[in-house]
Protein backbone atom coordinates (compact mmCIF):
# COMPACT_ATOMS: atom_id res chain seq x y z
CA MET A 1 -56.10 22.47 0.13
CA PRO A 2 -53.07 20.31 -1.08
CA VAL A 3 -51.97 18.13 1.69
CA LYS A 4 -48.18 18.98 2.40
CA LYS A 5 -45.94 16.16 2.50
CA PRO A 6 -43.79 15.48 5.43
CA LYS A 7 -40.11 16.27 4.99
CA ARG A 8 -37.98 13.09 4.66
CA PHE A 9 -35.09 13.02 6.99
CA ASP A 10 -32.90 11.77 4.11
CA GLN A 11 -33.47 14.98 2.11
CA ILE A 12 -31.75 18.42 2.03
CA SER A 13 -32.47 21.71 0.46
CA PRO A 14 -30.62 22.54 -2.91
CA ALA A 15 -28.69 25.38 -1.00
CA ALA A 16 -27.43 22.81 1.96
CA ASN A 17 -26.50 20.20 -1.05
CA PHE A 18 -24.71 23.01 -2.94
CA LEU A 19 -22.80 24.02 0.49
CA LEU A 20 -21.90 20.45 1.42
CA SER A 21 -20.58 19.74 -2.33
CA LEU A 22 -18.62 22.78 -1.95
CA LEU A 23 -17.04 21.80 1.28
CA THR A 24 -16.29 18.46 0.11
CA GLY A 25 -14.62 19.52 -3.02
CA VAL A 26 -12.48 21.91 -1.05
CA ILE A 27 -11.27 19.22 1.38
CA ALA A 28 -10.69 16.98 -1.66
CA ILE A 29 -8.35 19.71 -3.38
CA ALA A 30 -6.80 20.21 0.21
CA CYS A 31 -5.78 16.56 0.22
CA VAL A 32 -4.86 16.06 -3.35
CA PHE A 33 -2.75 19.34 -3.76
CA PRO A 34 0.26 18.49 -1.71
CA PHE A 35 1.19 15.75 -3.91
CA LEU A 36 0.50 17.65 -7.10
CA PHE A 37 2.73 20.38 -5.65
CA VAL A 38 5.36 17.78 -5.29
CA VAL A 39 4.90 16.82 -8.86
CA ILE A 40 5.36 20.37 -9.98
CA ILE A 41 8.47 20.78 -7.82
CA SER A 42 9.96 17.68 -9.42
CA PHE A 43 9.57 19.19 -12.82
CA THR A 44 11.03 22.58 -11.84
CA ASN A 45 14.49 23.83 -12.63
CA GLU A 46 16.74 23.49 -9.63
CA LYS A 47 18.55 27.04 -10.11
CA SER A 48 14.94 28.55 -10.62
CA LEU A 49 13.64 26.94 -7.80
CA ALA A 50 16.85 28.15 -5.62
CA SER A 51 16.31 31.74 -6.85
CA ASN A 52 12.20 31.94 -6.98
CA GLY A 53 11.50 29.66 -4.28
CA TYR A 54 8.52 27.07 -4.56
CA ARG A 55 5.75 28.33 -7.11
CA ILE A 56 2.72 26.52 -8.40
CA ILE A 57 3.72 27.70 -11.84
CA PRO A 58 7.45 27.73 -12.17
CA LYS A 59 9.25 30.04 -14.01
CA GLU A 60 11.45 27.28 -15.87
CA TRP A 61 10.40 23.87 -16.17
CA SER A 62 13.08 21.07 -16.38
CA LEU A 63 13.40 17.20 -16.47
CA GLU A 64 16.97 17.50 -14.79
CA ALA A 65 15.82 15.77 -11.63
CA TYR A 66 14.38 12.54 -13.54
CA GLN A 67 17.46 12.50 -15.75
CA TYR A 68 19.60 12.40 -12.60
CA ILE A 69 17.78 9.53 -11.26
CA PHE A 70 17.58 7.66 -14.50
CA ARG A 71 21.07 7.65 -14.83
CA THR A 72 21.32 4.51 -12.98
CA GLY A 73 19.45 3.00 -15.74
CA GLU A 74 19.10 -0.68 -15.68
CA ALA A 75 19.52 -0.69 -11.98
CA LEU A 76 16.31 1.23 -11.55
CA LEU A 77 14.20 -0.53 -14.02
CA ARG A 78 15.43 -3.84 -12.22
CA SER A 79 14.50 -2.33 -9.03
CA TYR A 80 11.11 -1.40 -10.37
CA GLY A 81 10.61 -4.96 -11.46
CA VAL A 82 11.76 -6.46 -7.98
CA THR A 83 9.05 -4.15 -6.20
CA ILE A 84 6.22 -4.85 -8.63
CA PHE A 85 6.69 -8.83 -8.38
CA VAL A 86 7.16 -8.72 -4.46
CA THR A 87 4.12 -6.50 -4.18
CA VAL A 88 1.84 -8.72 -6.59
CA VAL A 89 3.07 -12.19 -5.22
CA GLY A 90 3.01 -11.12 -1.74
CA THR A 91 -0.31 -9.42 -1.66
CA LEU A 92 -2.05 -12.65 -3.21
CA LEU A 93 -0.16 -14.92 -0.97
CA SER A 94 -1.08 -12.78 2.14
CA LEU A 95 -4.71 -12.60 1.04
CA VAL A 96 -4.93 -16.22 0.72
CA ILE A 97 -3.44 -17.05 4.06
CA ILE A 98 -5.15 -14.30 5.87
CA THR A 99 -8.52 -15.01 4.50
CA LEU A 100 -8.55 -18.65 5.09
CA TYR A 101 -7.18 -18.25 8.81
CA ALA A 102 -9.73 -15.62 9.49
CA TYR A 103 -12.62 -17.79 7.88
CA ALA A 104 -11.40 -20.89 10.08
CA ILE A 105 -11.59 -19.08 13.37
CA PHE A 106 -14.77 -17.39 12.25
CA GLN A 107 -16.61 -20.70 12.00
CA ARG A 108 -18.27 -21.69 15.35
CA SER A 109 -18.05 -25.45 14.39
CA PHE A 110 -14.19 -25.22 14.38
CA LYS A 111 -12.86 -26.93 17.54
CA TYR A 112 -9.85 -24.96 17.88
CA ARG A 113 -11.20 -21.55 17.06
CA ARG A 114 -10.51 -20.36 20.44
CA PHE A 115 -6.61 -21.58 20.44
CA PHE A 116 -6.05 -19.96 16.98
CA SER A 117 -7.78 -16.70 17.90
CA PHE A 118 -5.27 -16.43 20.93
CA PHE A 119 -2.55 -17.56 18.88
CA ALA A 120 -3.12 -14.55 16.59
CA ILE A 121 -3.51 -11.98 19.15
CA PHE A 122 -0.63 -12.98 21.22
CA THR A 123 1.73 -12.24 18.42
CA MET A 124 0.18 -8.70 18.31
CA LEU A 125 1.25 -8.44 21.92
CA PHE A 126 4.59 -10.24 22.00
CA ASN A 127 7.24 -11.08 19.39
CA GLY A 128 10.88 -12.30 19.12
CA GLY A 129 12.51 -8.99 18.17
CA MET A 130 14.73 -8.23 15.29
CA VAL A 131 17.64 -10.29 16.13
CA PRO A 132 15.75 -13.61 16.70
CA THR A 133 13.72 -12.71 13.42
CA PHE A 134 16.94 -12.02 11.60
CA ILE A 135 18.60 -15.38 12.85
CA VAL A 136 15.35 -17.16 11.74
CA VAL A 137 15.29 -15.87 8.07
CA THR A 138 19.14 -15.97 7.61
CA GLN A 139 20.25 -19.14 9.09
CA LEU A 140 17.03 -21.29 9.85
CA LEU A 141 15.22 -20.65 6.56
CA HIS A 142 18.22 -19.43 4.29
CA MET A 143 16.52 -16.74 2.78
CA LYS A 144 19.23 -14.04 2.79
CA ASP A 145 19.61 -12.62 -0.78
CA THR A 146 16.50 -14.30 -1.93
CA ILE A 147 13.35 -12.76 -3.07
CA TRP A 148 11.38 -14.52 -0.56
CA ALA A 149 13.25 -12.49 2.17
CA LEU A 150 11.03 -9.74 0.79
CA ILE A 151 7.80 -11.43 0.92
CA MET A 152 8.05 -13.93 3.91
CA PRO A 153 8.40 -11.60 6.96
CA MET A 154 5.41 -9.50 6.07
CA LEU A 155 3.40 -12.49 4.70
CA VAL A 156 0.79 -12.98 7.68
CA ASN A 157 -0.35 -9.91 9.94
CA ALA A 158 -2.47 -10.81 12.99
CA PHE A 159 -4.26 -7.24 13.05
CA TYR A 160 -5.52 -8.04 9.29
CA ILE A 161 -6.73 -11.52 10.27
CA LEU A 162 -8.75 -9.94 13.09
CA ILE A 163 -10.15 -7.38 10.69
CA MET A 164 -11.41 -9.98 8.30
CA ARG A 165 -12.81 -12.20 10.97
CA THR A 166 -14.97 -9.26 12.39
CA PHE A 167 -15.83 -8.78 8.69
CA PHE A 168 -17.01 -12.29 8.04
CA SER A 169 -18.96 -12.26 11.56
CA THR A 170 -20.76 -8.98 10.52
CA MET A 171 -21.23 -9.28 6.74
CA VAL A 172 -21.61 -12.87 5.82
CA PRO A 173 -24.89 -14.29 6.93
CA THR A 174 -24.82 -17.94 8.39
CA ALA A 175 -27.80 -18.81 6.22
CA ILE A 176 -25.50 -18.57 3.20
CA ILE A 177 -23.12 -20.98 4.73
CA GLU A 178 -25.86 -23.28 5.66
CA SER A 179 -27.43 -23.31 2.09
CA GLY A 180 -24.15 -24.18 0.84
CA LYS A 181 -24.00 -27.21 3.20
CA ILE A 182 -27.62 -28.16 2.51
CA ASP A 183 -26.84 -28.23 -1.29
CA GLY A 184 -23.78 -30.76 -0.69
CA ALA A 185 -21.00 -28.20 -1.15
CA SER A 186 -17.65 -28.89 0.56
CA GLU A 187 -16.26 -26.47 3.10
CA LEU A 188 -13.83 -24.96 0.28
CA GLN A 189 -16.53 -24.85 -2.22
CA THR A 190 -18.82 -22.88 0.35
CA PHE A 191 -15.83 -20.55 0.97
CA ILE A 192 -14.89 -20.06 -2.56
CA ARG A 193 -18.53 -19.78 -4.46
CA LEU A 194 -20.54 -18.13 -1.49
CA VAL A 195 -18.47 -16.46 1.03
CA LEU A 196 -15.85 -14.73 -1.17
CA PRO A 197 -17.90 -12.80 -3.51
CA LEU A 198 -19.60 -11.29 -0.48
CA SER A 199 -16.17 -10.43 1.08
CA LEU A 200 -15.04 -8.08 -1.72
CA PRO A 201 -15.11 -5.03 0.27
CA GLY A 202 -12.87 -6.87 2.99
CA LEU A 203 -10.62 -8.47 0.65
CA ALA A 204 -10.10 -4.84 -1.17
CA THR A 205 -9.14 -3.30 2.43
CA ILE A 206 -6.63 -5.93 3.35
CA GLY A 207 -5.27 -6.19 -0.20
CA LEU A 208 -4.86 -2.39 -0.30
CA PHE A 209 -3.13 -2.56 3.11
CA ASN A 210 -0.86 -5.22 2.00
CA THR A 211 0.02 -3.60 -1.33
CA LEU A 212 1.15 -0.41 0.49
CA GLY A 213 3.03 -2.44 2.90
CA TYR A 214 5.07 -4.29 0.29
CA TRP A 215 5.44 -1.63 -2.00
CA ASN A 216 6.79 1.03 0.71
CA ASP A 217 9.01 -1.58 2.47
CA TRP A 218 12.59 -1.01 2.48
CA PHE A 219 13.76 -2.14 5.97
CA ASN A 220 13.67 -5.91 4.97
CA ALA A 221 15.78 -5.13 1.95
CA LEU A 222 18.27 -3.22 4.23
CA LEU A 223 18.40 -6.42 6.42
CA TYR A 224 18.49 -9.41 4.07
CA ILE A 225 19.48 -8.16 0.75
CA ASP A 226 23.22 -7.56 -0.44
CA ALA A 227 22.82 -8.55 -4.21
CA PRO A 228 22.29 -5.66 -6.34
CA ASN A 229 19.98 -7.41 -8.78
CA LEU A 230 17.44 -7.72 -5.75
CA VAL A 231 17.24 -4.33 -4.40
CA PRO A 232 13.63 -3.16 -4.40
CA LEU A 233 12.83 0.40 -5.56
CA GLN A 234 12.61 2.22 -2.02
CA SER A 235 15.98 0.86 -1.16
CA MET A 236 17.24 2.08 -4.55
CA LEU A 237 15.94 5.60 -4.23
CA MET A 238 17.52 5.53 -0.49
CA ARG A 239 20.67 4.74 -1.83
CA ILE A 240 20.61 7.17 -4.50
CA GLU A 241 19.72 9.93 -1.60
CA THR A 242 22.54 8.80 0.38
CA SER A 243 25.06 9.21 -2.29
CA MET A 244 23.76 12.60 -2.99
CA GLN A 245 24.09 13.57 0.58
CA PHE A 246 27.68 12.04 0.75
CA ILE A 247 28.73 14.04 -2.08
CA MET A 248 27.23 17.34 -0.82
CA GLN A 249 28.95 16.65 2.97
CA ASN A 250 32.39 16.02 0.99
CA SER A 251 32.09 18.83 -1.17
CA THR A 252 35.17 20.55 0.49
CA ASN A 253 37.27 17.66 -1.01
CA ALA A 254 39.49 18.86 -3.83
CA SER A 255 39.03 15.63 -5.63
CA LEU A 256 35.33 16.45 -6.24
CA SER A 257 34.43 18.42 -9.61
CA THR A 258 32.64 21.76 -8.60
CA GLY A 259 30.78 21.44 -11.84
CA ILE A 260 29.10 18.24 -10.71
CA LEU A 261 28.17 19.80 -7.52
CA GLN A 262 26.52 22.86 -9.34
CA ASP A 263 24.55 20.58 -11.85
CA MET A 264 23.27 18.28 -9.14
CA PRO A 265 19.43 18.80 -8.51
CA GLN A 266 19.17 18.33 -4.98
CA ASP A 267 15.71 19.30 -3.87
CA THR A 268 13.93 18.69 -7.20
CA SER A 269 15.47 15.09 -7.34
CA ARG A 270 13.94 14.56 -3.81
CA MET A 271 10.69 15.44 -5.05
CA ALA A 272 11.08 13.22 -8.33
CA MET A 273 11.92 10.33 -5.83
CA VAL A 274 8.53 10.76 -4.11
CA VAL A 275 6.79 10.89 -7.41
CA LEU A 276 8.52 7.65 -8.67
CA ALA A 277 8.09 5.80 -5.34
CA THR A 278 4.24 6.95 -4.80
CA GLY A 279 3.07 7.61 -8.54
CA PRO A 280 2.27 3.86 -9.42
CA ILE A 281 0.55 3.09 -6.27
CA VAL A 282 -1.52 6.06 -6.55
CA LEU A 283 -2.57 5.22 -9.97
CA ALA A 284 -3.47 1.66 -8.66
CA TYR A 285 -5.74 2.74 -5.86
CA PRO A 286 -8.96 3.68 -8.38
CA PHE A 287 -8.97 -0.12 -9.13
CA PHE A 288 -9.31 -1.31 -5.50
CA GLN A 289 -12.14 1.38 -5.06
CA ARG A 290 -14.20 -0.28 -7.96
CA TYR A 291 -14.22 -3.48 -5.86
CA PHE A 292 -15.35 -1.69 -2.69
CA VAL A 293 -18.55 -0.58 -4.66
CA GLN A 294 -18.97 -4.14 -6.33
CA GLY A 295 -18.78 -5.88 -3.09
CA LEU A 296 -21.33 -3.67 -1.43
CA THR A 297 -23.95 -4.43 -4.12
CA ILE A 298 -23.54 -8.25 -4.21
CA GLY A 299 -26.15 -10.72 -3.09
CA ALA A 300 -28.64 -10.70 -0.08
CA VAL A 301 -30.31 -13.07 2.12
CA LYS A 302 -34.06 -13.16 2.79
CA GLU A 303 -35.12 -14.63 6.21
């Protein structure tokens, strides 16, 4: 009689595999559908939306919401450029500082690792508050109405430092660092050539958090930016929304044209703002995902 092979714990039946795949697909669609629905509404005619309500397939398509937003023309494109510059430069600088700080307090041979670890944790529990921060940025550092006012306040995050330190402690073998020192590599060479290639998942995670933070930031622009040529995208869209609300709230004013109020796309323009604000960052996410997979398959240590 043929010997029946024992069933492995990591194998499932085809029926169970199909059901799990179907369930995963349904959950994925449920997560993606709200954003797709927002995109559909942004391309819907405002009058059709008012009369027919929200539909997956609109009765009448229109670009009037985007045309209304893009009437700002050069100002909107400039705000895109400011946001892209702040996001790219801020994320890169933040990654450099956070990674070096975390690597320093990860090293057991570092004499002051306990002090700098406490220094990072202390800032998570206590901070000076908004007013002292505003005074430091504007009067001490003189960064008001400069691009650095959008970058420097978010440059270092203590929570991200602790994440990277934990990642180094759990995912970077000490044998790797010791092998670099045996071969005569300096601390910086060991960090760049040996530690960083193994740290791509951690770097991608922190980089994604920083990218989302810089891209979605509008509060720093509200505090420190008055110059129109330095207004980022989120702040620009907020100003467009505020101007629309002002017009609608003062619609009883006789000096306002009734035709302008009727032609103003209210709901669809809000959805178009969401698409313009989140679309680029959604498209950038797959590039971060590639580094997650690549970092998980790099290198190994045999004891």
